[in-house]
Amino acid sequence: MARKKPTSTTKRAKLLADQAVALSDYAAKALVAAEQLRIKTNTVEQFPLDENERATVADLPALAAKLNKKLAKKAGSFTVAGVTSMVMAAAESFVDAEPKQ
């Protein structure tokens, strides 16, 4: 039985899924390293997201409500664990995203 040739849409979907896996893997490794270094609860000194970028991250469905509230504040501070949670939420949104044509 012959295989169907992958379409550009399925290629893009696979690329998005691969990126989501890579991003999740990166965040997981960062969290493990932070735990080993005992800095998981340390505050991130500089969090360079502007107001629009914070709003974008806050709209991610997988983001915890506590982080969502902190993102709404302009001066909200975040722990290393909180930032890795944001990265994981972003990676999860890749899977839900539909590739554009």
C-alpha atoms as a PDB file:
ATOM      1  CA  MET A   1       0.000   0.000   0.000  1.00  0.00           C
ATOM      2  CA  ALA A   2       1.432   3.359  -1.030  1.00  0.00           C
ATOM      3  CA  ARG A   3       1.872   6.111   1.514  1.00  0.00           C
ATOM      4  CA  LYS A   4       0.269   9.458   0.937  1.00  0.00           C
ATOM      5  CA  LYS A   5       2.642  12.295   0.246  1.00  0.00           C
ATOM      6  CA  PRO A   6       2.637  14.703   3.199  1.00  0.00           C
ATOM      7  CA  THR A   7       0.991  18.016   2.429  1.00  0.00           C
ATOM      8  CA  SER A   8       2.451  21.348   3.441  1.00  0.00           C
ATOM      9  CA  THR A   9      -0.218  21.594   6.154  1.00  0.00           C
ATOM     10  CA  THR A  10       0.798  18.278   7.720  1.00  0.00           C
ATOM     11  CA  LYS A  11       4.458  19.272   7.481  1.00  0.00           C
ATOM     12  CA  ARG A  12       3.720  22.521   9.289  1.00  0.00           C
ATOM     13  CA  ALA A  13       1.693  20.700  11.925  1.00  0.00           C
ATOM     14  CA  LYS A  14       4.587  18.319  12.507  1.00  0.00           C
ATOM     15  CA  LEU A  15       7.019  21.236  12.769  1.00  0.00           C
ATOM     16  CA  LEU A  16       4.768  22.924  15.341  1.00  0.00           C
ATOM     17  CA  ALA A  17       4.528  19.706  17.328  1.00  0.00           C
ATOM     18  CA  ASP A  18       8.299  19.254  17.182  1.00  0.00           C
ATOM     19  CA  GLN A  19       8.819  22.819  18.388  1.00  0.00           C
ATOM     20  CA  ALA A  20       6.362  22.270  21.242  1.00  0.00           C
ATOM     21  CA  VAL A  21       8.252  19.154  22.346  1.00  0.00           C
ATOM     22  CA  ALA A  22      11.615  20.950  22.163  1.00  0.00           C
ATOM     23  CA  LEU A  23      10.310  23.922  24.141  1.00  0.00           C
ATOM     24  CA  SER A  24       8.729  21.691  26.795  1.00  0.00           C
ATOM     25  CA  ASP A  25      11.937  19.689  27.059  1.00  0.00           C
ATOM     26  CA  TYR A  26      13.964  22.869  27.502  1.00  0.00           C
ATOM     27  CA  ALA A  27      11.637  24.145  30.238  1.00  0.00           C
ATOM     28  CA  ALA A  28      11.662  20.791  32.032  1.00  0.00           C
ATOM     29  CA  LYS A  29      15.468  20.664  31.996  1.00  0.00           C
ATOM     30  CA  ALA A  30      15.638  24.241  33.267  1.00  0.00           C
ATOM     31  CA  LEU A  31      13.275  23.396  36.116  1.00  0.00           C
ATOM     32  CA  VAL A  32      15.284  20.286  37.069  1.00  0.00           C
ATOM     33  CA  ALA A  33      18.495  22.339  37.029  1.00  0.00           C
ATOM     34  CA  ALA A  34      16.841  25.024  39.165  1.00  0.00           C
ATOM     35  CA  GLU A  35      15.767  22.385  41.681  1.00  0.00           C
ATOM     36  CA  GLN A  36      19.283  20.940  41.812  1.00  0.00           C
ATOM     37  CA  LEU A  37      20.744  24.405  42.342  1.00  0.00           C
ATOM     38  CA  ARG A  38      17.996  25.204  44.872  1.00  0.00           C
ATOM     39  CA  ILE A  39      17.001  28.356  42.998  1.00  0.00           C
ATOM     40  CA  LYS A  40      13.537  27.256  41.903  1.00  0.00           C
ATOM     41  CA  THR A  41      11.859  29.742  44.243  1.00  0.00           C
ATOM     42  CA  ASN A  42      14.280  32.597  43.561  1.00  0.00           C
ATOM     43  CA  THR A  43      12.878  35.679  41.900  1.00  0.00           C
ATOM     44  CA  VAL A  44      13.897  36.367  38.320  1.00  0.00           C
ATOM     45  CA  GLU A  45      15.784  39.683  38.420  1.00  0.00           C
ATOM     46  CA  GLN A  46      14.758  41.024  35.028  1.00  0.00           C
ATOM     47  CA  PHE A  47      11.597  39.924  33.311  1.00  0.00           C
ATOM     48  CA  PRO A  48      11.730  41.772  29.980  1.00  0.00           C
ATOM     49  CA  LEU A  49       8.141  41.417  28.784  1.00  0.00           C
ATOM     50  CA  ASP A  50       6.281  44.608  27.975  1.00  0.00           C
ATOM     51  CA  GLU A  51       2.569  45.101  28.632  1.00  0.00           C
ATOM     52  CA  ASN A  52       1.416  43.582  25.309  1.00  0.00           C
ATOM     53  CA  GLU A  53       3.670  40.549  25.664  1.00  0.00           C
ATOM     54  CA  ARG A  54       2.433  39.995  29.216  1.00  0.00           C
ATOM     55  CA  ALA A  55      -1.152  40.127  27.938  1.00  0.00           C
ATOM     56  CA  THR A  56      -0.334  37.547  25.266  1.00  0.00           C
ATOM     57  CA  VAL A  57       1.185  35.170  27.814  1.00  0.00           C
ATOM     58  CA  ALA A  58      -1.730  35.767  30.200  1.00  0.00           C
ATOM     59  CA  ASP A  59      -4.140  34.626  27.470  1.00  0.00           C
ATOM     60  CA  LEU A  60      -2.584  31.153  27.307  1.00  0.00           C
ATOM     61  CA  PRO A  61      -5.218  28.646  28.442  1.00  0.00           C
ATOM     62  CA  ALA A  62      -2.744  26.380  30.265  1.00  0.00           C
ATOM     63  CA  LEU A  63      -1.397  29.190  32.438  1.00  0.00           C
ATOM     64  CA  ALA A  64      -2.119  28.989  36.171  1.00  0.00           C
ATOM     65  CA  ALA A  65      -4.503  31.622  37.536  1.00  0.00           C
ATOM     66  CA  LYS A  66      -1.891  32.831  40.035  1.00  0.00           C
ATOM     67  CA  LEU A  67       0.576  33.578  37.239  1.00  0.00           C
ATOM     68  CA  ASN A  68      -2.183  35.185  35.208  1.00  0.00           C
ATOM     69  CA  LYS A  69      -2.848  37.657  38.032  1.00  0.00           C
ATOM     70  CA  LYS A  70       0.858  38.420  38.401  1.00  0.00           C
ATOM     71  CA  LEU A  71       1.158  39.085  34.673  1.00  0.00           C
ATOM     72  CA  ALA A  72      -1.640  41.638  34.926  1.00  0.00           C
ATOM     73  CA  LYS A  73       0.455  43.682  37.358  1.00  0.00           C
ATOM     74  CA  LYS A  74       3.130  45.801  35.749  1.00  0.00           C
ATOM     75  CA  ALA A  75       5.553  45.235  38.624  1.00  0.00           C
ATOM     76  CA  GLY A  76       4.750  41.562  39.234  1.00  0.00           C
ATOM     77  CA  SER A  77       7.765  39.446  40.129  1.00  0.00           C
ATOM     78  CA  PHE A  78       8.213  35.841  39.021  1.00  0.00           C
ATOM     79  CA  THR A  79      10.124  32.868  40.339  1.00  0.00           C
ATOM     80  CA  VAL A  80      12.220  30.570  38.181  1.00  0.00           C
ATOM     81  CA  ALA A  81       9.481  27.936  38.541  1.00  0.00           C
ATOM     82  CA  GLY A  82       6.851  30.466  37.435  1.00  0.00           C
ATOM     83  CA  VAL A  83       8.793  31.375  34.319  1.00  0.00           C
ATOM     84  CA  THR A  84       9.252  27.712  33.395  1.00  0.00           C
ATOM     85  CA  SER A  85       5.493  27.256  33.850  1.00  0.00           C
ATOM     86  CA  MET A  86       4.925  30.083  31.380  1.00  0.00           C
ATOM     87  CA  VAL A  87       7.246  28.410  28.882  1.00  0.00           C
ATOM     88  CA  MET A  88       5.377  25.111  29.310  1.00  0.00           C
ATOM     89  CA  ALA A  89       2.052  26.888  28.754  1.00  0.00           C
ATOM     90  CA  ALA A  90       3.431  28.465  25.577  1.00  0.00           C
ATOM     91  CA  ALA A  91       4.630  25.065  24.358  1.00  0.00           C
ATOM     92  CA  GLU A  92       1.210  23.571  25.019  1.00  0.00           C
ATOM     93  CA  SER A  93      -0.398  26.333  22.979  1.00  0.00           C
ATOM     94  CA  PHE A  94       1.758  25.297  19.993  1.00  0.00           C
ATOM     95  CA  VAL A  95       0.000  21.945  19.943  1.00  0.00           C
ATOM     96  CA  ASP A  96      -3.418  23.631  19.916  1.00  0.00           C
ATOM     97  CA  ALA A  97      -2.402  26.098  17.201  1.00  0.00           C
ATOM     98  CA  GLU A  98      -3.435  25.513  13.631  1.00  0.00           C
ATOM     99  CA  PRO A  99      -0.806  26.025  10.967  1.00  0.00           C
ATOM    100  CA  LYS A 100      -1.450  29.033   8.725  1.00  0.00           C
ATOM    101  CA  GLN A 101      -1.407  28.575   4.987  1.00  0.00           C
END
